[in-house]
Amino acid sequence: MWSHQTTSRLAQRLRDRVPREDCGSLALWMAVVAVAMVAMLGMVVDGGNALAARERAADVAAQAARAGVDALTPISLRSFSDGSALATDPTDAQNAADQVLAAGGATGTVTVSGATVTVRATIQKKTDVLSAFGVTDIRQSASANATAVFGAVTAGGS
């Protein structure tokens, strides 16, 4: 077992070997590196959350546009034979798209033009790590549109 005097002498010898001007420089360097590492962790974690929020905004916008375009006016369904006169009821389309936006936890805008509905959805997410650096939330937006078509249409147009 080491006595208290032995450990005190050993500690004094170690202190004498380190120049006084270097005392504490490692601690300062480690503090800077620790802050940088936390910032990088925040970029990885919250950056991944931002990408997920962007994807969710795109999904919600697409679903809201599809729901809106399903609000066809009954008269446009009965008054044509080739599908060229399809029209969406703007009020019903707005309401349907707003319901999908709300259900998806998003806010956004809905624009109706004839048989086309365009939706811009915004998702807001709180940050997990970057809030320590003053970035408290992340907002991601995406747009999608849908057009009412008559019959079956494929990628080739037939």
C-alpha atoms as a PDB file:
ATOM      1  CA  MET A   1       0.000   0.000   0.000  1.00  0.00           C
ATOM      2  CA  TRP A   2       1.260   3.452  -0.794  1.00  0.00           C
ATOM      3  CA  SER A   3       1.383   6.012   1.914  1.00  0.00           C
ATOM      4  CA  HIS A   4      -0.014   9.499   1.583  1.00  0.00           C
ATOM      5  CA  GLN A   5       3.519  10.962   1.524  1.00  0.00           C
ATOM      6  CA  THR A   6       4.606   8.669  -1.294  1.00  0.00           C
ATOM      7  CA  THR A   7       1.654   9.603  -3.498  1.00  0.00           C
ATOM      8  CA  SER A   8       2.155  13.319  -2.703  1.00  0.00           C
ATOM      9  CA  ARG A   9       5.820  13.135  -3.716  1.00  0.00           C
ATOM     10  CA  LEU A  10       4.925  11.275  -6.908  1.00  0.00           C
ATOM     11  CA  ALA A  11       2.293  13.845  -7.801  1.00  0.00           C
ATOM     12  CA  GLN A  12       4.767  16.684  -7.122  1.00  0.00           C
ATOM     13  CA  ARG A  13       7.373  15.075  -9.415  1.00  0.00           C
ATOM     14  CA  LEU A  14       4.789  14.781 -12.214  1.00  0.00           C
ATOM     15  CA  ARG A  15       3.782  18.426 -11.746  1.00  0.00           C
ATOM     16  CA  ASP A  16       7.412  19.518 -11.883  1.00  0.00           C
ATOM     17  CA  ARG A  17       7.906  17.786 -15.254  1.00  0.00           C
ATOM     18  CA  VAL A  18       5.068  19.746 -16.937  1.00  0.00           C
ATOM     19  CA  PRO A  19       6.003  23.344 -17.773  1.00  0.00           C
ATOM     20  CA  ARG A  20       3.701  25.885 -16.116  1.00  0.00           C
ATOM     21  CA  GLU A  21       2.739  27.551 -19.401  1.00  0.00           C
ATOM     22  CA  ASP A  22       1.223  24.263 -20.664  1.00  0.00           C
ATOM     23  CA  CYS A  23      -0.995  23.670 -17.631  1.00  0.00           C
ATOM     24  CA  GLY A  24      -4.627  23.421 -18.670  1.00  0.00           C
ATOM     25  CA  SER A  25      -4.025  23.575 -22.424  1.00  0.00           C
ATOM     26  CA  LEU A  26      -5.221  20.008 -22.917  1.00  0.00           C
ATOM     27  CA  ALA A  27      -8.407  20.694 -20.997  1.00  0.00           C
ATOM     28  CA  LEU A  28      -9.130  23.708 -23.213  1.00  0.00           C
ATOM     29  CA  TRP A  29      -8.438  21.676 -26.359  1.00  0.00           C
ATOM     30  CA  MET A  30     -10.725  18.871 -25.142  1.00  0.00           C
ATOM     31  CA  ALA A  31     -13.528  21.362 -24.412  1.00  0.00           C
ATOM     32  CA  VAL A  32     -13.339  22.727 -27.961  1.00  0.00           C
ATOM     33  CA  VAL A  33     -13.279  19.225 -29.447  1.00  0.00           C
ATOM     34  CA  ALA A  34     -16.231  18.131 -27.282  1.00  0.00           C
ATOM     35  CA  VAL A  35     -18.353  21.073 -28.483  1.00  0.00           C
ATOM     36  CA  ALA A  36     -17.413  20.294 -32.096  1.00  0.00           C
ATOM     37  CA  MET A  37     -18.325  16.620 -31.638  1.00  0.00           C
ATOM     38  CA  VAL A  38     -21.736  17.507 -30.172  1.00  0.00           C
ATOM     39  CA  ALA A  39     -22.342  19.875 -33.106  1.00  0.00           C
ATOM     40  CA  MET A  40     -21.471  17.098 -35.585  1.00  0.00           C
ATOM     41  CA  LEU A  41     -23.758  14.695 -33.729  1.00  0.00           C
ATOM     42  CA  GLY A  42     -26.512  17.289 -34.006  1.00  0.00           C
ATOM     43  CA  MET A  43     -25.985  17.633 -37.738  1.00  0.00           C
ATOM     44  CA  VAL A  44     -26.198  13.872 -38.192  1.00  0.00           C
ATOM     45  CA  VAL A  45     -29.250  13.295 -35.962  1.00  0.00           C
ATOM     46  CA  ASP A  46     -31.205  16.432 -36.809  1.00  0.00           C
ATOM     47  CA  GLY A  47     -30.087  16.321 -40.444  1.00  0.00           C
ATOM     48  CA  GLY A  48     -31.622  12.855 -40.680  1.00  0.00           C
ATOM     49  CA  ASN A  49     -34.787  14.179 -39.046  1.00  0.00           C
ATOM     50  CA  ALA A  50     -34.880  17.012 -41.599  1.00  0.00           C
ATOM     51  CA  LEU A  51     -34.650  14.526 -44.471  1.00  0.00           C
ATOM     52  CA  ALA A  52     -37.442  12.455 -42.931  1.00  0.00           C
ATOM     53  CA  ALA A  53     -39.591  15.586 -42.503  1.00  0.00           C
ATOM     54  CA  ARG A  54     -38.994  16.512 -46.167  1.00  0.00           C
ATOM     55  CA  GLU A  55     -40.086  13.059 -47.281  1.00  0.00           C
ATOM     56  CA  ARG A  56     -43.158  13.228 -45.045  1.00  0.00           C
ATOM     57  CA  ALA A  57     -44.068  16.644 -46.478  1.00  0.00           C
ATOM     58  CA  ALA A  58     -43.822  15.199 -50.001  1.00  0.00           C
ATOM     59  CA  ASP A  59     -46.041  12.247 -49.055  1.00  0.00           C
ATOM     60  CA  VAL A  60     -48.658  14.431 -47.371  1.00  0.00           C
ATOM     61  CA  ALA A  61     -48.683  16.903 -50.291  1.00  0.00           C
ATOM     62  CA  ALA A  62     -49.205  14.083 -52.809  1.00  0.00           C
ATOM     63  CA  GLN A  63     -52.010  12.507 -50.779  1.00  0.00           C
ATOM     64  CA  ALA A  64     -53.720  15.874 -50.243  1.00  0.00           C
ATOM     65  CA  ALA A  65     -53.552  16.670 -53.970  1.00  0.00           C
ATOM     66  CA  ARG A  66     -55.094  13.283 -54.803  1.00  0.00           C
ATOM     67  CA  ALA A  67     -57.851  13.801 -52.242  1.00  0.00           C
ATOM     68  CA  GLY A  68     -58.552  17.255 -53.628  1.00  0.00           C
ATOM     69  CA  VAL A  69     -58.731  16.134 -57.233  1.00  0.00           C
ATOM     70  CA  ASP A  70     -61.247  13.456 -56.249  1.00  0.00           C
ATOM     71  CA  ALA A  71     -63.736  16.258 -55.521  1.00  0.00           C
ATOM     72  CA  LEU A  72     -65.083  16.375 -59.084  1.00  0.00           C
ATOM     73  CA  THR A  73     -68.165  18.399 -59.833  1.00  0.00           C
ATOM     74  CA  PRO A  74     -71.109  16.091 -60.517  1.00  0.00           C
ATOM     75  CA  ILE A  75     -72.113  18.037 -63.613  1.00  0.00           C
ATOM     76  CA  SER A  76     -68.683  17.565 -65.189  1.00  0.00           C
ATOM     77  CA  LEU A  77     -69.035  13.809 -64.727  1.00  0.00           C
ATOM     78  CA  ARG A  78     -72.339  13.754 -66.648  1.00  0.00           C
ATOM     79  CA  SER A  79     -71.763  16.303 -69.375  1.00  0.00           C
ATOM     80  CA  PHE A  80     -69.037  14.742 -71.510  1.00  0.00           C
ATOM     81  CA  SER A  81     -68.119  11.594 -73.295  1.00  0.00           C
ATOM     82  CA  ASP A  82     -64.360  11.946 -73.749  1.00  0.00           C
ATOM     83  CA  GLY A  83     -63.307  13.383 -70.344  1.00  0.00           C
ATOM     84  CA  SER A  84     -62.196  16.755 -71.682  1.00  0.00           C
ATOM     85  CA  ALA A  85     -64.612  18.690 -69.454  1.00  0.00           C
ATOM     86  CA  LEU A  86     -63.641  17.216 -66.073  1.00  0.00           C
ATOM     87  CA  ALA A  87     -63.603  19.903 -63.391  1.00  0.00           C
ATOM     88  CA  THR A  88     -62.956  19.895 -59.681  1.00  0.00           C
ATOM     89  CA  ASP A  89     -65.236  21.695 -57.236  1.00  0.00           C
ATOM     90  CA  PRO A  90     -62.818  24.241 -55.696  1.00  0.00           C
ATOM     91  CA  THR A  91     -64.493  24.358 -52.275  1.00  0.00           C
ATOM     92  CA  ASP A  92     -64.757  20.582 -51.934  1.00  0.00           C
ATOM     93  CA  ALA A  93     -61.196  20.143 -53.225  1.00  0.00           C
ATOM     94  CA  GLN A  94     -59.890  22.686 -50.702  1.00  0.00           C
ATOM     95  CA  ASN A  95     -61.743  20.984 -47.843  1.00  0.00           C
ATOM     96  CA  ALA A  96     -60.592  17.488 -48.822  1.00  0.00           C
ATOM     97  CA  ALA A  97     -56.955  18.565 -49.171  1.00  0.00           C
ATOM     98  CA  ASP A  98     -57.052  20.508 -45.889  1.00  0.00           C
ATOM     99  CA  GLN A  99     -58.365  17.426 -44.080  1.00  0.00           C
ATOM    100  CA  VAL A 100     -55.470  15.330 -45.400  1.00  0.00           C
ATOM    101  CA  LEU A 101     -52.959  18.048 -44.451  1.00  0.00           C
ATOM    102  CA  ALA A 102     -54.362  18.217 -40.916  1.00  0.00           C
ATOM    103  CA  ALA A 103     -54.399  14.419 -40.563  1.00  0.00           C
ATOM    104  CA  GLY A 104     -50.759  14.322 -41.691  1.00  0.00           C
ATOM    105  CA  GLY A 105     -49.698  16.966 -39.170  1.00  0.00           C
ATOM    106  CA  ALA A 106     -48.859  19.491 -41.877  1.00  0.00           C
ATOM    107  CA  THR A 107     -49.824  22.991 -42.843  1.00  0.00           C
ATOM    108  CA  GLY A 108     -50.012  24.202 -46.387  1.00  0.00           C
ATOM    109  CA  THR A 109     -51.744  25.832 -49.300  1.00  0.00           C
ATOM    110  CA  VAL A 110     -54.126  24.372 -51.840  1.00  0.00           C
ATOM    111  CA  THR A 111     -54.628  25.768 -55.340  1.00  0.00           C
ATOM    112  CA  VAL A 112     -57.381  24.520 -57.645  1.00  0.00           C
ATOM    113  CA  SER A 113     -57.219  25.241 -61.372  1.00  0.00           C
ATOM    114  CA  GLY A 114     -59.799  23.373 -63.448  1.00  0.00           C
ATOM    115  CA  ALA A 115     -59.110  19.660 -63.035  1.00  0.00           C
ATOM    116  CA  THR A 116     -55.692  20.169 -61.369  1.00  0.00           C
ATOM    117  CA  VAL A 117     -55.083  20.540 -57.642  1.00  0.00           C
ATOM    118  CA  THR A 118     -51.685  21.737 -56.399  1.00  0.00           C
ATOM    119  CA  VAL A 119     -50.743  21.373 -52.731  1.00  0.00           C
ATOM    120  CA  ARG A 120     -47.719  22.752 -50.890  1.00  0.00           C
ATOM    121  CA  ALA A 121     -47.274  21.014 -47.524  1.00  0.00           C
ATOM    122  CA  THR A 122     -44.967  22.128 -44.696  1.00  0.00           C
ATOM    123  CA  ILE A 123     -43.872  19.895 -41.827  1.00  0.00           C
ATOM    124  CA  GLN A 124     -42.291  21.409 -38.710  1.00  0.00           C
ATOM    125  CA  LYS A 125     -40.173  19.257 -36.400  1.00  0.00           C
ATOM    126  CA  LYS A 126     -38.393  20.066 -33.148  1.00  0.00           C
ATOM    127  CA  THR A 127     -34.655  19.436 -33.114  1.00  0.00           C
ATOM    128  CA  ASP A 128     -33.144  16.901 -30.731  1.00  0.00           C
ATOM    129  CA  VAL A 129     -29.495  17.950 -30.479  1.00  0.00           C
ATOM    130  CA  LEU A 130     -29.140  21.258 -32.312  1.00  0.00           C
ATOM    131  CA  SER A 131     -31.476  22.960 -29.833  1.00  0.00           C
ATOM    132  CA  ALA A 132     -28.383  23.249 -27.624  1.00  0.00           C
ATOM    133  CA  PHE A 133     -26.955  25.586 -30.297  1.00  0.00           C
ATOM    134  CA  GLY A 134     -30.121  27.678 -30.723  1.00  0.00           C
ATOM    135  CA  VAL A 135     -31.723  25.790 -33.646  1.00  0.00           C
ATOM    136  CA  THR A 136     -35.032  24.782 -32.114  1.00  0.00           C
ATOM    137  CA  ASP A 137     -37.037  23.565 -35.104  1.00  0.00           C
ATOM    138  CA  ILE A 138     -36.717  22.433 -38.690  1.00  0.00           C
ATOM    139  CA  ARG A 139     -39.302  23.209 -41.389  1.00  0.00           C
ATOM    140  CA  GLN A 140     -39.446  21.208 -44.585  1.00  0.00           C
ATOM    141  CA  SER A 141     -41.817  21.786 -47.500  1.00  0.00           C
ATOM    142  CA  ALA A 142     -42.812  19.941 -50.639  1.00  0.00           C
ATOM    143  CA  SER A 143     -45.296  20.455 -53.460  1.00  0.00           C
ATOM    144  CA  ALA A 144     -47.381  18.015 -55.425  1.00  0.00           C
ATOM    145  CA  ASN A 145     -50.155  18.253 -57.974  1.00  0.00           C
ATOM    146  CA  ALA A 146     -52.788  15.897 -59.256  1.00  0.00           C
ATOM    147  CA  THR A 147     -54.979  16.126 -62.337  1.00  0.00           C
ATOM    148  CA  ALA A 148     -58.311  14.417 -62.891  1.00  0.00           C
ATOM    149  CA  VAL A 149     -58.177  12.198 -65.968  1.00  0.00           C
ATOM    150  CA  PHE A 150     -60.866  10.261 -67.792  1.00  0.00           C
ATOM    151  CA  GLY A 151     -60.391   6.520 -68.215  1.00  0.00           C
ATOM    152  CA  ALA A 152     -57.114   4.658 -67.859  1.00  0.00           C
ATOM    153  CA  VAL A 153     -53.966   6.503 -68.780  1.00  0.00           C
ATOM    154  CA  THR A 154     -50.527   4.917 -68.786  1.00  0.00           C
ATOM    155  CA  ALA A 155     -47.079   6.452 -68.935  1.00  0.00           C
ATOM    156  CA  GLY A 156     -47.147   6.150 -72.735  1.00  0.00           C
ATOM    157  CA  GLY A 157     -50.358   8.192 -72.910  1.00  0.00           C
ATOM    158  CA  SER A 158     -52.653   5.413 -74.074  1.00  0.00           C
END
